[in-house]
């Protein structure tokens, strides 16, 4: 996360910045060296120079694979703004991959959960969002597309439970997800105060805050199925946490403007700004 968060627009990571931020976060130089060595050995980065004057450069594959998932983050902000109301459709994916392709089967299962799916029974998963393009891409990549079945329904029942919000409570660990967002808010508030204080912050301090926020945002959003507000308890902690994060990224981007800083600054700031500039849907969720 540290290395990825510091990738600049041109795909490079300066070793001096990397070591400085790592030290601020309590990591040793040896930890950083081992991490860099592993990333280079895996072919994810190339390495030029020595010590703190060195420079890492992300490979083309790394830039594609490690780019933050802008689609999901943007969708979350649109939901918060009332711009993506639920249409009442449940999206289901079923698969029957043979034991001989166990690795593909396990990888597909993990992908479905990562995309926000919840298991209904063996080999059958449900999501509240239109996930079909992402599911099919993963199935093709894993060589399991022929074993995949996709369908939608507006009439989903599990046992005697049919009411959508109650189904969501049964299928997803909403309290655990809410706790992660509450942690994100607790971490974001003091950093927002520092970012909006007239006192200046060093480039190293800005980068450290960016890495801390990126790590906590990832921790909160990775297990989040991004359920529509209609299926969530209100007020939902994720809405407040993302509002705080949006303000943090805007402040980071403003302080970094004009410098060749991490691409993460611009990407997150662009997503939050674009959502804010769109007119809120009538009756949308207030952040």
Protein backbone atom coordinates (compact mmCIF):
# COMPACT_ATOMS: atom_id res chain seq x y z
CA UNK A 1 0.00 0.00 0.00
CA UNK A 2 2.82 2.41 0.84
CA UNK A 3 4.60 1.96 -2.49
CA UNK A 4 1.38 2.00 -4.51
CA UNK A 5 0.13 5.16 -2.81
CA UNK A 6 3.33 7.01 -3.73
CA UNK A 7 3.26 6.24 -7.46
CA UNK A 8 3.47 9.54 -9.33
CA UNK A 9 1.58 10.43 -12.50
CA UNK A 10 4.56 9.23 -14.57
CA UNK A 11 4.61 5.82 -12.84
CA UNK A 12 7.71 6.46 -10.71
CA UNK A 13 8.31 6.32 -6.96
CA UNK A 14 11.18 8.29 -5.46
CA UNK A 15 13.18 6.27 -2.93
CA UNK A 16 13.79 9.34 -0.75
CA UNK A 17 10.02 9.93 -0.40
CA UNK A 18 9.45 6.22 0.15
CA UNK A 19 11.98 5.93 2.98
CA UNK A 20 10.92 9.22 4.61
CA UNK A 21 7.23 8.30 4.72
CA UNK A 22 8.00 4.73 5.80
CA UNK A 23 10.14 6.00 8.68
CA UNK A 24 7.36 8.38 9.76
CA UNK A 25 4.95 5.44 9.79
CA UNK A 26 7.32 3.43 12.00
CA UNK A 27 8.80 1.20 9.28
CA UNK A 28 12.51 0.49 9.17
CA UNK A 29 14.78 1.01 6.16
CA UNK A 30 15.32 -2.77 6.11
CA UNK A 31 11.57 -3.35 5.72
CA UNK A 32 11.49 -0.96 2.79
CA UNK A 33 14.51 -2.56 1.13
CA UNK A 34 12.99 -6.03 1.42
CA UNK A 35 9.68 -4.79 0.03
CA UNK A 36 11.39 -3.12 -2.93
CA UNK A 37 13.48 -6.23 -3.58
CA UNK A 38 10.36 -8.39 -3.64
CA UNK A 39 8.45 -6.02 -5.95
CA UNK A 40 11.33 -5.95 -8.41
CA UNK A 41 11.75 -9.75 -8.26
CA UNK A 42 8.02 -10.15 -9.02
CA UNK A 43 8.38 -7.92 -12.07
CA UNK A 44 6.01 -5.28 -10.73
CA UNK A 45 8.62 -2.49 -10.68
CA UNK A 46 12.03 -1.76 -12.13
CA UNK A 47 14.75 -0.19 -10.00
CA UNK A 48 17.38 2.38 -10.98
CA UNK A 49 20.04 3.93 -8.76
CA UNK A 50 21.07 3.22 -5.18
CA UNK A 51 19.90 4.19 -1.73
CA UNK A 52 17.69 7.21 -1.29
CA UNK A 53 18.62 8.51 -4.74
CA UNK A 54 17.10 5.47 -6.43
CA UNK A 55 13.86 5.47 -8.36
CA UNK A 56 11.26 2.76 -8.81
CA UNK A 57 9.19 2.61 -11.97
CA UNK A 58 5.94 0.67 -12.14
CA UNK A 59 5.60 -1.68 -15.09
CA UNK A 60 2.69 -1.31 -17.49
CA UNK A 61 0.94 -4.31 -15.94
CA UNK A 62 1.36 -2.86 -12.46
CA UNK A 63 -0.14 0.46 -13.51
CA UNK A 64 -3.20 -1.36 -14.84
CA UNK A 65 -3.60 -3.81 -11.98
CA UNK A 66 -2.77 -1.49 -9.09
CA UNK A 67 -4.78 1.52 -10.19
CA UNK A 68 -7.37 2.26 -7.48
CA UNK A 69 -10.77 0.86 -8.39
CA UNK A 70 -12.25 4.15 -9.48
CA UNK A 71 -15.52 2.61 -10.66
CA UNK A 72 -16.47 1.32 -7.20
CA UNK A 73 -15.30 4.43 -5.36
CA UNK A 74 -17.23 6.66 -7.74
CA UNK A 75 -20.33 4.47 -7.35
CA UNK A 76 -20.10 4.79 -3.56
CA UNK A 77 -20.02 8.58 -3.74
CA UNK A 78 -22.92 8.58 -6.18
CA UNK A 79 -24.93 6.46 -3.76
CA UNK A 80 -24.11 8.86 -0.94
CA UNK A 81 -25.36 11.76 -3.07
CA UNK A 82 -28.61 9.99 -3.96
CA UNK A 83 -27.53 9.65 -7.59
CA UNK A 84 -27.67 5.84 -7.78
CA UNK A 85 -31.02 4.70 -6.32
CA UNK A 86 -31.74 0.99 -6.18
CA UNK A 87 -34.07 -0.37 -8.85
CA UNK A 88 -35.15 -3.33 -6.73
CA UNK A 89 -33.23 -5.85 -8.86
CA UNK A 90 -31.05 -8.53 -7.30
CA UNK A 91 -28.16 -9.79 -9.45
CA UNK A 92 -27.22 -13.46 -9.07
CA UNK A 93 -24.26 -15.52 -10.23
CA UNK A 94 -24.06 -19.31 -10.07
CA UNK A 95 -21.18 -21.56 -11.02
CA UNK A 96 -20.30 -25.24 -11.00
CA UNK A 97 -16.56 -25.58 -11.53
CA UNK A 98 -15.25 -29.18 -11.26
CA UNK A 99 -12.82 -30.30 -8.58
CA UNK A 100 -10.10 -30.63 -11.23
CA UNK A 101 -10.18 -26.82 -11.57
CA UNK A 102 -10.21 -26.10 -7.85
CA UNK A 103 -7.90 -23.08 -8.09
CA UNK A 104 -10.16 -21.39 -10.65
CA UNK A 105 -13.22 -22.23 -8.54
CA UNK A 106 -11.72 -20.76 -5.38
CA UNK A 107 -10.51 -17.67 -7.23
CA UNK A 108 -13.95 -17.09 -8.74
CA UNK A 109 -15.59 -17.46 -5.34
CA UNK A 110 -13.17 -14.93 -3.83
CA UNK A 111 -13.81 -12.55 -6.72
CA UNK A 112 -17.58 -12.70 -6.24
CA UNK A 113 -17.21 -11.86 -2.55
CA UNK A 114 -14.77 -9.05 -3.40
CA UNK A 115 -17.32 -7.64 -5.85
CA UNK A 116 -19.94 -7.45 -3.11
CA UNK A 117 -21.58 -10.84 -3.44
CA UNK A 118 -23.04 -12.85 -0.57
CA UNK A 119 -23.49 -16.63 -0.66
CA UNK A 120 -27.07 -17.89 -0.79
CA UNK A 121 -26.10 -21.54 -0.99
CA UNK A 122 -23.36 -23.63 -2.59
CA UNK A 123 -22.15 -21.95 -5.78
CA UNK A 124 -24.88 -19.26 -5.78
CA UNK A 125 -24.12 -15.63 -4.92
CA UNK A 126 -26.22 -12.46 -4.87
CA UNK A 127 -25.36 -8.78 -5.26
CA UNK A 128 -27.52 -5.66 -5.13
CA UNK A 129 -25.55 -3.93 -7.91
CA UNK A 130 -25.13 -4.66 -11.62
CA UNK A 131 -21.90 -6.63 -11.38
CA UNK A 132 -22.18 -8.68 -14.56
CA UNK A 133 -19.31 -7.07 -16.57
CA UNK A 134 -16.89 -7.57 -13.68
CA UNK A 135 -18.02 -11.14 -13.00
CA UNK A 136 -17.75 -12.12 -16.65
CA UNK A 137 -14.30 -10.56 -17.00
CA UNK A 138 -13.08 -12.55 -14.00
CA UNK A 139 -14.67 -15.78 -15.25
CA UNK A 140 -13.06 -15.37 -18.69
CA UNK A 141 -9.68 -14.64 -17.09
CA UNK A 142 -9.96 -17.75 -14.89
CA UNK A 143 -11.15 -19.99 -17.72
CA UNK A 144 -14.48 -20.61 -15.97
CA UNK A 145 -16.87 -18.62 -18.12
CA UNK A 146 -18.54 -21.76 -19.48
CA UNK A 147 -19.48 -22.79 -15.94
CA UNK A 148 -21.04 -19.42 -15.07
CA UNK A 149 -24.76 -18.61 -15.01
CA UNK A 150 -26.03 -15.04 -14.52
CA UNK A 151 -29.59 -14.02 -13.74
CA UNK A 152 -31.62 -11.25 -12.11
CA UNK A 153 -34.76 -11.24 -10.02
CA UNK A 154 -36.99 -8.86 -8.09
CA UNK A 155 -38.42 -11.70 -6.01
CA UNK A 156 -35.69 -12.99 -3.69
CA UNK A 157 -36.52 -14.98 -0.58
CA UNK A 158 -34.29 -16.77 1.91
CA UNK A 159 -36.35 -18.96 4.17
CA UNK A 160 -39.24 -16.76 5.28
CA UNK A 161 -37.32 -13.54 4.72
CA UNK A 162 -38.30 -11.48 1.68
CA UNK A 163 -38.17 -7.81 2.77
CA UNK A 164 -35.05 -6.37 1.04
CA UNK A 165 -33.51 -4.53 4.00
CA UNK A 166 -33.98 -7.57 6.23
CA UNK A 167 -32.42 -9.77 3.57
CA UNK A 168 -29.43 -7.42 3.48
CA UNK A 169 -29.04 -7.70 7.27
CA UNK A 170 -29.07 -11.49 7.01
CA UNK A 171 -26.72 -11.77 4.04
CA UNK A 172 -24.01 -9.21 4.85
CA UNK A 173 -22.09 -8.40 8.05
CA UNK A 174 -23.32 -4.81 8.21
CA UNK A 175 -22.15 -4.14 11.77
CA UNK A 176 -18.59 -5.17 10.95
CA UNK A 177 -18.63 -2.94 7.87
CA UNK A 178 -20.06 -0.04 9.88
CA UNK A 179 -17.34 -0.46 12.52
CA UNK A 180 -14.66 -0.15 9.83
CA UNK A 181 -16.17 3.11 8.59
CA UNK A 182 -16.39 4.47 12.13
CA UNK A 183 -12.67 3.73 12.49
CA UNK A 184 -12.05 5.54 9.19
CA UNK A 185 -13.92 8.60 10.48
CA UNK A 186 -11.91 8.60 13.72
CA UNK A 187 -8.68 8.57 11.73
CA UNK A 188 -9.81 11.09 9.11
CA UNK A 189 -11.02 13.84 11.49
CA UNK A 190 -7.68 14.81 13.06
CA UNK A 191 -5.95 14.58 9.69
CA UNK A 192 -8.54 16.86 8.14
CA UNK A 193 -7.89 19.33 10.95
CA UNK A 194 -4.18 19.28 10.13
CA UNK A 195 -4.82 19.65 6.41
CA UNK A 196 -7.14 22.64 6.84
CA UNK A 197 -4.97 24.36 9.45
CA UNK A 198 -3.28 27.49 8.08
CA UNK A 199 0.05 26.13 9.29
CA UNK A 200 2.02 24.53 6.51
CA UNK A 201 2.82 20.84 6.22
CA UNK A 202 6.02 19.41 4.80
CA UNK A 203 5.83 17.28 1.64
CA UNK A 204 6.74 14.26 3.76
CA UNK A 205 3.87 14.99 6.19
CA UNK A 206 1.40 15.32 3.31
CA UNK A 207 2.52 12.03 1.83
CA UNK A 208 2.26 10.32 5.20
CA UNK A 209 -1.31 11.53 5.65
CA UNK A 210 -2.16 10.39 2.12
CA UNK A 211 -0.83 6.88 2.79
CA UNK A 212 -2.63 6.62 6.14
CA UNK A 213 -5.94 7.68 4.58
CA UNK A 214 -5.51 5.42 1.56
CA UNK A 215 -4.79 2.43 3.80
CA UNK A 216 -7.82 3.05 6.01
CA UNK A 217 -10.11 3.72 3.05
CA UNK A 218 -9.02 0.41 1.54
CA UNK A 219 -9.57 -1.35 4.88
CA UNK A 220 -13.11 0.02 5.05
CA UNK A 221 -14.17 -0.41 1.43
CA UNK A 222 -12.72 -3.81 0.49
CA UNK A 223 -15.35 -5.78 2.46
CA UNK A 224 -18.15 -3.28 1.67
CA UNK A 225 -20.71 -4.64 -0.86
CA UNK A 226 -21.80 -1.03 -1.51
CA UNK A 227 -25.43 -1.78 -0.81
CA UNK A 228 -27.86 0.93 -1.91
CA UNK A 229 -28.94 3.32 0.89
CA UNK A 230 -32.44 1.80 0.73
CA UNK A 231 -31.00 -1.45 2.13
CA UNK A 232 -28.86 0.07 4.89
CA UNK A 233 -29.56 1.32 8.41
CA UNK A 234 -29.66 5.11 8.50
CA UNK A 235 -27.65 7.13 9.19
CA UNK A 236 -25.00 4.92 7.59
CA UNK A 237 -21.42 5.44 8.90
CA UNK A 238 -19.99 4.92 5.43
CA UNK A 239 -21.65 8.09 4.14
CA UNK A 240 -20.12 10.25 6.86
CA UNK A 241 -16.70 8.60 6.53
CA UNK A 242 -16.56 9.13 2.77
CA UNK A 243 -17.64 12.76 3.20
CA UNK A 244 -14.69 13.29 5.54
CA UNK A 245 -12.36 11.48 3.15
CA UNK A 246 -13.56 13.64 0.25
CA UNK A 247 -12.69 16.77 2.20
CA UNK A 248 -9.28 15.33 3.08
CA UNK A 249 -8.48 14.47 -0.53
CA UNK A 250 -9.61 17.91 -1.71
CA UNK A 251 -7.28 19.54 0.83
CA UNK A 252 -4.42 17.22 -0.08
CA UNK A 253 -4.90 17.91 -3.78
CA UNK A 254 -5.03 21.67 -3.19
CA UNK A 255 -1.80 21.66 -1.16
CA UNK A 256 -0.08 19.43 -3.70
CA UNK A 257 -1.41 21.26 -6.79
CA UNK A 258 1.27 22.10 -9.32
CA UNK A 259 3.71 19.48 -8.05
CA UNK A 260 4.44 16.05 -9.47
CA UNK A 261 2.89 14.19 -6.56
CA UNK A 262 1.17 10.81 -6.24
CA UNK A 263 -1.47 10.05 -8.86
CA UNK A 264 -3.69 8.99 -5.97
CA UNK A 265 -4.16 12.65 -4.96
CA UNK A 266 -5.60 13.61 -8.33
CA UNK A 267 -7.66 10.47 -8.87
CA UNK A 268 -9.49 10.62 -5.55
CA UNK A 269 -9.91 14.39 -5.76
CA UNK A 270 -11.34 14.10 -9.28
CA UNK A 271 -13.88 11.45 -8.25
CA UNK A 272 -15.11 13.39 -5.24
CA UNK A 273 -15.22 16.67 -7.15
CA UNK A 274 -17.13 15.21 -10.10
CA UNK A 275 -19.74 13.74 -7.77
CA UNK A 276 -20.07 17.01 -5.84
CA UNK A 277 -20.56 19.00 -9.05
CA UNK A 278 -23.46 16.81 -10.21
CA UNK A 279 -26.88 17.93 -8.99
CA UNK A 280 -28.11 15.87 -6.05
CA UNK A 281 -31.09 13.67 -6.74
CA UNK A 282 -34.33 14.87 -5.22
CA UNK A 283 -34.69 13.23 -1.83
CA UNK A 284 -31.08 11.94 -1.92
CA UNK A 285 -29.24 10.86 1.18
CA UNK A 286 -27.73 13.78 3.06
CA UNK A 287 -24.07 13.33 3.92
